[in-house]
mmCIF file of all heavy atoms, coordinates in Angstrom:
data_MODEL
# 
_entry.id   MODEL 
# 
loop_
_atom_site.group_PDB 
_atom_site.id 
_atom_site.type_symbol 
_atom_site.label_atom_id 
_atom_site.label_alt_id 
_atom_site.label_comp_id 
_atom_site.label_asym_id 
_atom_site.label_entity_id 
_atom_site.label_seq_id 
_atom_site.pdbx_PDB_ins_code 
_atom_site.Cartn_x 
_atom_site.Cartn_y 
_atom_site.Cartn_z 
_atom_site.occupancy 
_atom_site.B_iso_or_equiv 
_atom_site.pdbx_formal_charge 
_atom_site.auth_seq_id 
_atom_site.auth_comp_id 
_atom_site.auth_asym_id 
_atom_site.auth_atom_id 
_atom_site.pdbx_PDB_model_num 
ATOM 1   N N   . LEU A 1 1  ? -11.321 11.369 -15.396 1.00 0.00 ? 1  LEU A N   1 
ATOM 2   C CA  . LEU A 1 1  ? -11.346 12.001 -14.087 1.00 0.00 ? 1  LEU A CA  1 
ATOM 3   C C   . LEU A 1 1  ? -10.836 11.051 -13.009 1.00 0.00 ? 1  LEU A C   1 
ATOM 4   O O   . LEU A 1 1  ? -10.332 11.485 -11.971 1.00 0.00 ? 1  LEU A O   1 
ATOM 5   C CB  . LEU A 1 1  ? -12.770 12.465 -13.755 1.00 0.00 ? 1  LEU A CB  1 
ATOM 6   C CG  . LEU A 1 1  ? -12.932 13.354 -12.521 1.00 0.00 ? 1  LEU A CG  1 
ATOM 7   C CD1 . LEU A 1 1  ? -12.072 14.610 -12.637 1.00 0.00 ? 1  LEU A CD1 1 
ATOM 8   C CD2 . LEU A 1 1  ? -14.384 13.716 -12.306 1.00 0.00 ? 1  LEU A CD2 1 
ATOM 9   N N   . GLY A 1 2  ? -10.936 9.746  -13.284 1.00 0.00 ? 2  GLY A N   1 
ATOM 10  C CA  . GLY A 1 2  ? -10.452 8.766  -12.320 1.00 0.00 ? 2  GLY A CA  1 
ATOM 11  C C   . GLY A 1 2  ? -8.953  8.826  -12.111 1.00 0.00 ? 2  GLY A C   1 
ATOM 12  O O   . GLY A 1 2  ? -8.459  8.480  -11.027 1.00 0.00 ? 2  GLY A O   1 
ATOM 13  N N   . TYR A 1 3  ? -8.211  9.277  -13.124 1.00 0.00 ? 3  TYR A N   1 
ATOM 14  C CA  . TYR A 1 3  ? -6.767  9.431  -12.971 1.00 0.00 ? 3  TYR A CA  1 
ATOM 15  C C   . TYR A 1 3  ? -6.435  10.474 -11.900 1.00 0.00 ? 3  TYR A C   1 
ATOM 16  O O   . TYR A 1 3  ? -5.393  10.388 -11.247 1.00 0.00 ? 3  TYR A O   1 
ATOM 17  C CB  . TYR A 1 3  ? -6.137  9.838  -14.303 1.00 0.00 ? 3  TYR A CB  1 
ATOM 18  C CG  . TYR A 1 3  ? -6.057  8.723  -15.312 1.00 0.00 ? 3  TYR A CG  1 
ATOM 19  C CD1 . TYR A 1 3  ? -6.993  8.630  -16.349 1.00 0.00 ? 3  TYR A CD1 1 
ATOM 20  C CD2 . TYR A 1 3  ? -5.061  7.756  -15.245 1.00 0.00 ? 3  TYR A CD2 1 
ATOM 21  C CE1 . TYR A 1 3  ? -6.920  7.609  -17.281 1.00 0.00 ? 3  TYR A CE1 1 
ATOM 22  C CE2 . TYR A 1 3  ? -4.981  6.734  -16.169 1.00 0.00 ? 3  TYR A CE2 1 
ATOM 23  C CZ  . TYR A 1 3  ? -5.912  6.668  -17.190 1.00 0.00 ? 3  TYR A CZ  1 
ATOM 24  O OH  . TYR A 1 3  ? -5.848  5.642  -18.102 1.00 0.00 ? 3  TYR A OH  1 
ATOM 25  N N   . ILE A 1 4  ? -7.315  11.434 -11.746 1.00 0.00 ? 4  ILE A N   1 
ATOM 26  C CA  . ILE A 1 4  ? -7.077  12.489 -10.749 1.00 0.00 ? 4  ILE A CA  1 
ATOM 27  C C   . ILE A 1 4  ? -7.545  12.040 -9.371  1.00 0.00 ? 4  ILE A C   1 
ATOM 28  O O   . ILE A 1 4  ? -6.828  12.187 -8.380  1.00 0.00 ? 4  ILE A O   1 
ATOM 29  C CB  . ILE A 1 4  ? -7.806  13.783 -11.175 1.00 0.00 ? 4  ILE A CB  1 
ATOM 30  C CG1 . ILE A 1 4  ? -7.281  14.265 -12.534 1.00 0.00 ? 4  ILE A CG1 1 
ATOM 31  C CG2 . ILE A 1 4  ? -7.628  14.870 -10.110 1.00 0.00 ? 4  ILE A CG2 1 
ATOM 32  C CD1 . ILE A 1 4  ? -8.000  15.476 -13.073 1.00 0.00 ? 4  ILE A CD1 1 
ATOM 33  N N   . THR A 1 5  ? -8.738  11.471 -9.303  1.00 0.00 ? 5  THR A N   1 
ATOM 34  C CA  . THR A 1 5  ? -9.282  11.062 -7.999  1.00 0.00 ? 5  THR A CA  1 
ATOM 35  C C   . THR A 1 5  ? -8.527  9.876  -7.405  1.00 0.00 ? 5  THR A C   1 
ATOM 36  O O   . THR A 1 5  ? -8.642  9.619  -6.197  1.00 0.00 ? 5  THR A O   1 
ATOM 37  C CB  . THR A 1 5  ? -10.772 10.704 -8.139  1.00 0.00 ? 5  THR A CB  1 
ATOM 38  O OG1 . THR A 1 5  ? -10.926 9.686  -9.142  1.00 0.00 ? 5  THR A OG1 1 
ATOM 39  C CG2 . THR A 1 5  ? -11.588 11.926 -8.543  1.00 0.00 ? 5  THR A CG2 1 
ATOM 40  N N   . ALA A 1 6  ? -7.771  9.167  -8.227  1.00 0.00 ? 6  ALA A N   1 
ATOM 41  C CA  . ALA A 1 6  ? -7.016  8.015  -7.722  1.00 0.00 ? 6  ALA A CA  1 
ATOM 42  C C   . ALA A 1 6  ? -5.708  8.421  -7.044  1.00 0.00 ? 6  ALA A C   1 
ATOM 43  O O   . ALA A 1 6  ? -5.129  7.610  -6.313  1.00 0.00 ? 6  ALA A O   1 
ATOM 44  C CB  . ALA A 1 6  ? -6.727  7.033  -8.854  1.00 0.00 ? 6  ALA A CB  1 
ATOM 45  N N   . VAL A 1 7  ? -5.252  9.648  -7.280  1.00 0.00 ? 7  VAL A N   1 
ATOM 46  C CA  . VAL A 1 7  ? -3.953  10.073 -6.729  1.00 0.00 ? 7  VAL A CA  1 
ATOM 47  C C   . VAL A 1 7  ? -3.913  9.988  -5.202  1.00 0.00 ? 7  VAL A C   1 
ATOM 48  O O   . VAL A 1 7  ? -2.984  9.389  -4.636  1.00 0.00 ? 7  VAL A O   1 
ATOM 49  C CB  . VAL A 1 7  ? -3.598  11.499 -7.215  1.00 0.00 ? 7  VAL A CB  1 
ATOM 50  C CG1 . VAL A 1 7  ? -2.351  12.017 -6.497  1.00 0.00 ? 7  VAL A CG1 1 
ATOM 51  C CG2 . VAL A 1 7  ? -3.367  11.497 -8.715  1.00 0.00 ? 7  VAL A CG2 1 
ATOM 52  N N   . PRO A 1 8  ? -4.893  10.567 -4.466  1.00 0.00 ? 8  PRO A N   1 
ATOM 53  C CA  . PRO A 1 8  ? -4.838  10.445 -3.001  1.00 0.00 ? 8  PRO A CA  1 
ATOM 54  C C   . PRO A 1 8  ? -4.890  8.998  -2.531  1.00 0.00 ? 8  PRO A C   1 
ATOM 55  O O   . PRO A 1 8  ? -4.225  8.635  -1.551  1.00 0.00 ? 8  PRO A O   1 
ATOM 56  C CB  . PRO A 1 8  ? -6.064  11.244 -2.527  1.00 0.00 ? 8  PRO A CB  1 
ATOM 57  C CG  . PRO A 1 8  ? -6.419  12.135 -3.656  1.00 0.00 ? 8  PRO A CG  1 
ATOM 58  C CD  . PRO A 1 8  ? -6.050  11.384 -4.890  1.00 0.00 ? 8  PRO A CD  1 
ATOM 59  N N   . ALA A 1 9  ? -5.685  8.168  -3.214  1.00 0.00 ? 9  ALA A N   1 
ATOM 60  C CA  . ALA A 1 9  ? -5.792  6.763  -2.819  1.00 0.00 ? 9  ALA A CA  1 
ATOM 61  C C   . ALA A 1 9  ? -4.460  6.047  -3.000  1.00 0.00 ? 9  ALA A C   1 
ATOM 62  O O   . ALA A 1 9  ? -4.026  5.279  -2.136  1.00 0.00 ? 9  ALA A O   1 
ATOM 63  C CB  . ALA A 1 9  ? -6.886  6.066  -3.636  1.00 0.00 ? 9  ALA A CB  1 
ATOM 64  N N   . ILE A 1 10 ? -3.790  6.292  -4.118  1.00 0.00 ? 10 ILE A N   1 
ATOM 65  C CA  . ILE A 1 10 ? -2.496  5.649  -4.373  1.00 0.00 ? 10 ILE A CA  1 
ATOM 66  C C   . ILE A 1 10 ? -1.469  6.095  -3.342  1.00 0.00 ? 10 ILE A C   1 
ATOM 67  O O   . ILE A 1 10 ? -0.677  5.286  -2.837  1.00 0.00 ? 10 ILE A O   1 
ATOM 68  C CB  . ILE A 1 10 ? -2.015  5.959  -5.801  1.00 0.00 ? 10 ILE A CB  1 
ATOM 69  C CG1 . ILE A 1 10 ? -2.971  5.342  -6.825  1.00 0.00 ? 10 ILE A CG1 1 
ATOM 70  C CG2 . ILE A 1 10 ? -0.600  5.434  -6.021  1.00 0.00 ? 10 ILE A CG2 1 
ATOM 71  C CD1 . ILE A 1 10 ? -2.659  5.716  -8.262  1.00 0.00 ? 10 ILE A CD1 1 
ATOM 72  N N   . PHE A 1 11 ? -1.476  7.374  -2.996  1.00 0.00 ? 11 PHE A N   1 
ATOM 73  C CA  . PHE A 1 11 ? -0.529  7.879  -2.000  1.00 0.00 ? 11 PHE A CA  1 
ATOM 74  C C   . PHE A 1 11 ? -0.776  7.225  -0.645  1.00 0.00 ? 11 PHE A C   1 
ATOM 75  O O   . PHE A 1 11 ? 0.177   6.827  0.040   1.00 0.00 ? 11 PHE A O   1 
ATOM 76  C CB  . PHE A 1 11 ? -0.639  9.400  -1.893  1.00 0.00 ? 11 PHE A CB  1 
ATOM 77  C CG  . PHE A 1 11 ? 0.438   10.129 -2.644  1.00 0.00 ? 11 PHE A CG  1 
ATOM 78  C CD1 . PHE A 1 11 ? 0.276   10.449 -3.982  1.00 0.00 ? 11 PHE A CD1 1 
ATOM 79  C CD2 . PHE A 1 11 ? 1.614   10.482 -2.015  1.00 0.00 ? 11 PHE A CD2 1 
ATOM 80  C CE1 . PHE A 1 11 ? 1.261   11.109 -4.684  1.00 0.00 ? 11 PHE A CE1 1 
ATOM 81  C CE2 . PHE A 1 11 ? 2.611   11.138 -2.703  1.00 0.00 ? 11 PHE A CE2 1 
ATOM 82  C CZ  . PHE A 1 11 ? 2.438   11.463 -4.044  1.00 0.00 ? 11 PHE A CZ  1 
ATOM 83  N N   . LEU A 1 12 ? -2.046  7.118  -0.241  1.00 0.00 ? 12 LEU A N   1 
ATOM 84  C CA  . LEU A 1 12 ? -2.345  6.510  1.052   1.00 0.00 ? 12 LEU A CA  1 
ATOM 85  C C   . LEU A 1 12 ? -1.946  5.037  1.066   1.00 0.00 ? 12 LEU A C   1 
ATOM 86  O O   . LEU A 1 12 ? -1.354  4.542  2.047   1.00 0.00 ? 12 LEU A O   1 
ATOM 87  C CB  . LEU A 1 12 ? -3.836  6.657  1.356   1.00 0.00 ? 12 LEU A CB  1 
ATOM 88  C CG  . LEU A 1 12 ? -4.310  6.078  2.701   1.00 0.00 ? 12 LEU A CG  1 
ATOM 89  C CD1 . LEU A 1 12 ? -3.569  6.728  3.867   1.00 0.00 ? 12 LEU A CD1 1 
ATOM 90  C CD2 . LEU A 1 12 ? -5.816  6.263  2.859   1.00 0.00 ? 12 LEU A CD2 1 
ATOM 91  N N   . ILE A 1 13 ? -2.248  4.328  -0.010  1.00 0.00 ? 13 ILE A N   1 
ATOM 92  C CA  . ILE A 1 13 ? -1.879  2.912  -0.105  1.00 0.00 ? 13 ILE A CA  1 
ATOM 93  C C   . ILE A 1 13 ? -0.363  2.763  -0.085  1.00 0.00 ? 13 ILE A C   1 
ATOM 94  O O   . ILE A 1 13 ? 0.183   1.867  0.585   1.00 0.00 ? 13 ILE A O   1 
ATOM 95  C CB  . ILE A 1 13 ? -2.474  2.295  -1.385  1.00 0.00 ? 13 ILE A CB  1 
ATOM 96  C CG1 . ILE A 1 13 ? -4.000  2.297  -1.312  1.00 0.00 ? 13 ILE A CG1 1 
ATOM 97  C CG2 . ILE A 1 13 ? -1.954  0.882  -1.598  1.00 0.00 ? 13 ILE A CG2 1 
ATOM 98  C CD1 . ILE A 1 13 ? -4.677  1.978  -2.636  1.00 0.00 ? 13 ILE A CD1 1 
ATOM 99  N N   . ALA A 1 14 ? 0.339   3.635  -0.808  1.00 0.00 ? 14 ALA A N   1 
ATOM 100 C CA  . ALA A 1 14 ? 1.804   3.574  -0.840  1.00 0.00 ? 14 ALA A CA  1 
ATOM 101 C C   . ALA A 1 14 ? 2.399   3.868  0.530   1.00 0.00 ? 14 ALA A C   1 
ATOM 102 O O   . ALA A 1 14 ? 3.402   3.263  0.924   1.00 0.00 ? 14 ALA A O   1 
ATOM 103 C CB  . ALA A 1 14 ? 2.339   4.557  -1.883  1.00 0.00 ? 14 ALA A CB  1 
ATOM 104 N N   . PHE A 1 15 ? 1.788   4.796  1.276   1.00 0.00 ? 15 PHE A N   1 
ATOM 105 C CA  . PHE A 1 15 ? 2.258   5.093  2.626   1.00 0.00 ? 15 PHE A CA  1 
ATOM 106 C C   . PHE A 1 15 ? 2.104   3.867  3.522   1.00 0.00 ? 15 PHE A C   1 
ATOM 107 O O   . PHE A 1 15 ? 3.012   3.530  4.292   1.00 0.00 ? 15 PHE A O   1 
ATOM 108 C CB  . PHE A 1 15 ? 1.482   6.272  3.208   1.00 0.00 ? 15 PHE A CB  1 
ATOM 109 C CG  . PHE A 1 15 ? 2.157   7.604  3.014   1.00 0.00 ? 15 PHE A CG  1 
ATOM 110 C CD1 . PHE A 1 15 ? 2.255   8.164  1.744   1.00 0.00 ? 15 PHE A CD1 1 
ATOM 111 C CD2 . PHE A 1 15 ? 2.708   8.281  4.078   1.00 0.00 ? 15 PHE A CD2 1 
ATOM 112 C CE1 . PHE A 1 15 ? 2.873   9.373  1.545   1.00 0.00 ? 15 PHE A CE1 1 
ATOM 113 C CE2 . PHE A 1 15 ? 3.337   9.499  3.898   1.00 0.00 ? 15 PHE A CE2 1 
ATOM 114 C CZ  . PHE A 1 15 ? 3.422   10.048 2.633   1.00 0.00 ? 15 PHE A CZ  1 
ATOM 115 N N   . PHE A 1 16 ? 0.960   3.197  3.428   1.00 0.00 ? 16 PHE A N   1 
ATOM 116 C CA  . PHE A 1 16 ? 0.714   2.026  4.259   1.00 0.00 ? 16 PHE A CA  1 
ATOM 117 C C   . PHE A 1 16 ? 1.682   0.894  3.933   1.00 0.00 ? 16 PHE A C   1 
ATOM 118 O O   . PHE A 1 16 ? 2.339   0.337  4.826   1.00 0.00 ? 16 PHE A O   1 
ATOM 119 C CB  . PHE A 1 16 ? -0.727  1.561  4.075   1.00 0.00 ? 16 PHE A CB  1 
ATOM 120 C CG  . PHE A 1 16 ? -0.997  0.193  4.621   1.00 0.00 ? 16 PHE A CG  1 
ATOM 121 C CD1 . PHE A 1 16 ? -0.775  -0.103 5.959   1.00 0.00 ? 16 PHE A CD1 1 
ATOM 122 C CD2 . PHE A 1 16 ? -1.461  -0.826 3.787   1.00 0.00 ? 16 PHE A CD2 1 
ATOM 123 C CE1 . PHE A 1 16 ? -1.020  -1.378 6.469   1.00 0.00 ? 16 PHE A CE1 1 
ATOM 124 C CE2 . PHE A 1 16 ? -1.700  -2.093 4.282   1.00 0.00 ? 16 PHE A CE2 1 
ATOM 125 C CZ  . PHE A 1 16 ? -1.476  -2.369 5.621   1.00 0.00 ? 16 PHE A CZ  1 
ATOM 126 N N   . LEU A 1 17 ? 1.778   0.547  2.653   1.00 0.00 ? 17 LEU A N   1 
ATOM 127 C CA  . LEU A 1 17 ? 2.635   -0.564 2.260   1.00 0.00 ? 17 LEU A CA  1 
ATOM 128 C C   . LEU A 1 17 ? 4.110   -0.224 2.427   1.00 0.00 ? 17 LEU A C   1 
ATOM 129 O O   . LEU A 1 17 ? 4.917   -1.089 2.774   1.00 0.00 ? 17 LEU A O   1 
ATOM 130 C CB  . LEU A 1 17 ? 2.335   -0.958 0.810   1.00 0.00 ? 17 LEU A CB  1 
ATOM 131 C CG  . LEU A 1 17 ? 0.901   -1.455 0.548   1.00 0.00 ? 17 LEU A CG  1 
ATOM 132 C CD1 . LEU A 1 17 ? 0.685   -1.719 -0.924  1.00 0.00 ? 17 LEU A CD1 1 
ATOM 133 C CD2 . LEU A 1 17 ? 0.620   -2.708 1.363   1.00 0.00 ? 17 LEU A CD2 1 
ATOM 134 N N   . GLY A 1 18 ? 4.470   1.041  2.202   1.00 0.00 ? 18 GLY A N   1 
ATOM 135 C CA  . GLY A 1 18 ? 5.852   1.456  2.429   1.00 0.00 ? 18 GLY A CA  1 
ATOM 136 C C   . GLY A 1 18 ? 6.230   1.399  3.898   1.00 0.00 ? 18 GLY A C   1 
ATOM 137 O O   . GLY A 1 18 ? 7.327   0.956  4.260   1.00 0.00 ? 18 GLY A O   1 
ATOM 138 N N   . ALA A 1 19 ? 5.310   1.853  4.766   1.00 0.00 ? 19 ALA A N   1 
ATOM 139 C CA  . ALA A 1 19 ? 5.565   1.793  6.212   1.00 0.00 ? 19 ALA A CA  1 
ATOM 140 C C   . ALA A 1 19 ? 5.655   0.349  6.688   1.00 0.00 ? 19 ALA A C   1 
ATOM 141 O O   . ALA A 1 19 ? 6.479   0.018  7.550   1.00 0.00 ? 19 ALA A O   1 
ATOM 142 C CB  . ALA A 1 19 ? 4.470   2.534  6.971   1.00 0.00 ? 19 ALA A CB  1 
ATOM 143 N N   . LEU A 1 20 ? 4.831   -0.527 6.118   1.00 0.00 ? 20 LEU A N   1 
ATOM 144 C CA  . LEU A 1 20 ? 4.895   -1.947 6.471   1.00 0.00 ? 20 LEU A CA  1 
ATOM 145 C C   . LEU A 1 20 ? 6.245   -2.528 6.066   1.00 0.00 ? 20 LEU A C   1 
ATOM 146 O O   . LEU A 1 20 ? 6.864   -3.289 6.827   1.00 0.00 ? 20 LEU A O   1 
ATOM 147 C CB  . LEU A 1 20 ? 3.759   -2.697 5.783   1.00 0.00 ? 20 LEU A CB  1 
ATOM 148 C CG  . LEU A 1 20 ? 3.718   -4.214 6.008   1.00 0.00 ? 20 LEU A CG  1 
ATOM 149 C CD1 . LEU A 1 20 ? 3.520   -4.532 7.482   1.00 0.00 ? 20 LEU A CD1 1 
ATOM 150 C CD2 . LEU A 1 20 ? 2.603   -4.844 5.169   1.00 0.00 ? 20 LEU A CD2 1 
ATOM 151 N N   . GLY A 1 21 ? 6.703   -2.175 4.881   1.00 0.00 ? 21 GLY A N   1 
ATOM 152 C CA  . GLY A 1 21 ? 8.004   -2.646 4.434   1.00 0.00 ? 21 GLY A CA  1 
ATOM 153 C C   . GLY A 1 21 ? 9.143   -2.125 5.292   1.00 0.00 ? 21 GLY A C   1 
ATOM 154 O O   . GLY A 1 21 ? 10.089  -2.852 5.608   1.00 0.00 ? 21 GLY A O   1 
ATOM 155 N N   . LEU A 1 22 ? 9.054   -0.850 5.693   1.00 0.00 ? 22 LEU A N   1 
ATOM 156 C CA  . LEU A 1 22 ? 10.083  -0.277 6.562   1.00 0.00 ? 22 LEU A CA  1 
ATOM 157 C C   . LEU A 1 22 ? 10.098  -0.959 7.925   1.00 0.00 ? 22 LEU A C   1 
ATOM 158 O O   . LEU A 1 22 ? 11.167  -1.192 8.504   1.00 0.00 ? 22 LEU A O   1 
ATOM 159 C CB  . LEU A 1 22 ? 9.856   1.227  6.722   1.00 0.00 ? 22 LEU A CB  1 
ATOM 160 C CG  . LEU A 1 22 ? 10.181  2.096  5.510   1.00 0.00 ? 22 LEU A CG  1 
ATOM 161 C CD1 . LEU A 1 22 ? 9.855   3.553  5.806   1.00 0.00 ? 22 LEU A CD1 1 
ATOM 162 C CD2 . LEU A 1 22 ? 11.637  1.963  5.112   1.00 0.00 ? 22 LEU A CD2 1 
ATOM 163 N N   . LEU A 1 23 ? 8.915   -1.254 8.428   1.00 0.00 ? 23 LEU A N   1 
ATOM 164 C CA  . LEU A 1 23 ? 8.842   -1.951 9.712   1.00 0.00 ? 23 LEU A CA  1 
ATOM 165 C C   . LEU A 1 23 ? 9.520   -3.314 9.624   1.00 0.00 ? 23 LEU A C   1 
ATOM 166 O O   . LEU A 1 23 ? 10.304  -3.696 10.505  1.00 0.00 ? 23 LEU A O   1 
ATOM 167 C CB  . LEU A 1 23 ? 7.378   -2.111 10.127  1.00 0.00 ? 23 LEU A CB  1 
ATOM 168 C CG  . LEU A 1 23 ? 7.115   -2.952 11.383  1.00 0.00 ? 23 LEU A CG  1 
ATOM 169 C CD1 . LEU A 1 23 ? 7.780   -2.320 12.611  1.00 0.00 ? 23 LEU A CD1 1 
ATOM 170 C CD2 . LEU A 1 23 ? 5.617   -3.114 11.616  1.00 0.00 ? 23 LEU A CD2 1 
ATOM 171 N N   . LEU A 1 24 ? 9.242   -4.046 8.552   1.00 0.00 ? 24 LEU A N   1 
ATOM 172 C CA  . LEU A 1 24 ? 9.863   -5.360 8.385   1.00 0.00 ? 24 LEU A CA  1 
ATOM 173 C C   . LEU A 1 24 ? 11.371  -5.236 8.189   1.00 0.00 ? 24 LEU A C   1 
ATOM 174 O O   . LEU A 1 24 ? 12.142  -6.047 8.710   1.00 0.00 ? 24 LEU A O   1 
ATOM 175 C CB  . LEU A 1 24 ? 9.229   -6.077 7.194   1.00 0.00 ? 24 LEU A CB  1 
ATOM 176 C CG  . LEU A 1 24 ? 7.761   -6.470 7.357   1.00 0.00 ? 24 LEU A CG  1 
ATOM 177 C CD1 . LEU A 1 24 ? 7.204   -7.031 6.054   1.00 0.00 ? 24 LEU A CD1 1 
ATOM 178 C CD2 . LEU A 1 24 ? 7.591   -7.485 8.473   1.00 0.00 ? 24 LEU A CD2 1 
ATOM 179 N N   . SER A 1 25 ? 11.792  -4.216 7.433   1.00 0.00 ? 25 SER A N   1 
ATOM 180 C CA  . SER A 1 25 ? 13.229  -4.032 7.208   1.00 0.00 ? 25 SER A CA  1 
ATOM 181 C C   . SER A 1 25 ? 13.956  -3.703 8.500   1.00 0.00 ? 25 SER A C   1 
ATOM 182 O O   . SER A 1 25 ? 15.128  -4.061 8.673   1.00 0.00 ? 25 SER A O   1 
ATOM 183 C CB  . SER A 1 25 ? 13.463  -2.928 6.171   1.00 0.00 ? 25 SER A CB  1 
ATOM 184 O OG  . SER A 1 25 ? 13.125  -1.647 6.708   1.00 0.00 ? 25 SER A OG  1 
ATOM 185 N N   . ASN A 1 26 ? 13.290  -3.002 9.416   1.00 0.00 ? 26 ASN A N   1 
ATOM 186 C CA  . ASN A 1 26 ? 13.917  -2.672 10.694  1.00 0.00 ? 26 ASN A CA  1 
ATOM 187 C C   . ASN A 1 26 ? 14.008  -3.887 11.607  1.00 0.00 ? 26 ASN A C   1 
ATOM 188 O O   . ASN A 1 26 ? 14.869  -3.946 12.488  1.00 0.00 ? 26 ASN A O   1 
ATOM 189 C CB  . ASN A 1 26 ? 13.121  -1.565 11.402  1.00 0.00 ? 26 ASN A CB  1 
ATOM 190 C CG  . ASN A 1 26 ? 13.196  -0.249 10.660  1.00 0.00 ? 26 ASN A CG  1 
ATOM 191 O OD1 . ASN A 1 26 ? 14.156  0.034  9.956   1.00 0.00 ? 26 ASN A OD1 1 
ATOM 192 N ND2 . ASN A 1 26 ? 12.160  0.566  10.792  1.00 0.00 ? 26 ASN A ND2 1 
# 
């Protein structure tokens, strides 16, 4: 069941780290 409940957490973490990377790239 953890594979399912982890999906929103992974998406939120990816959004944060992706946005941080985009900010640095800009």
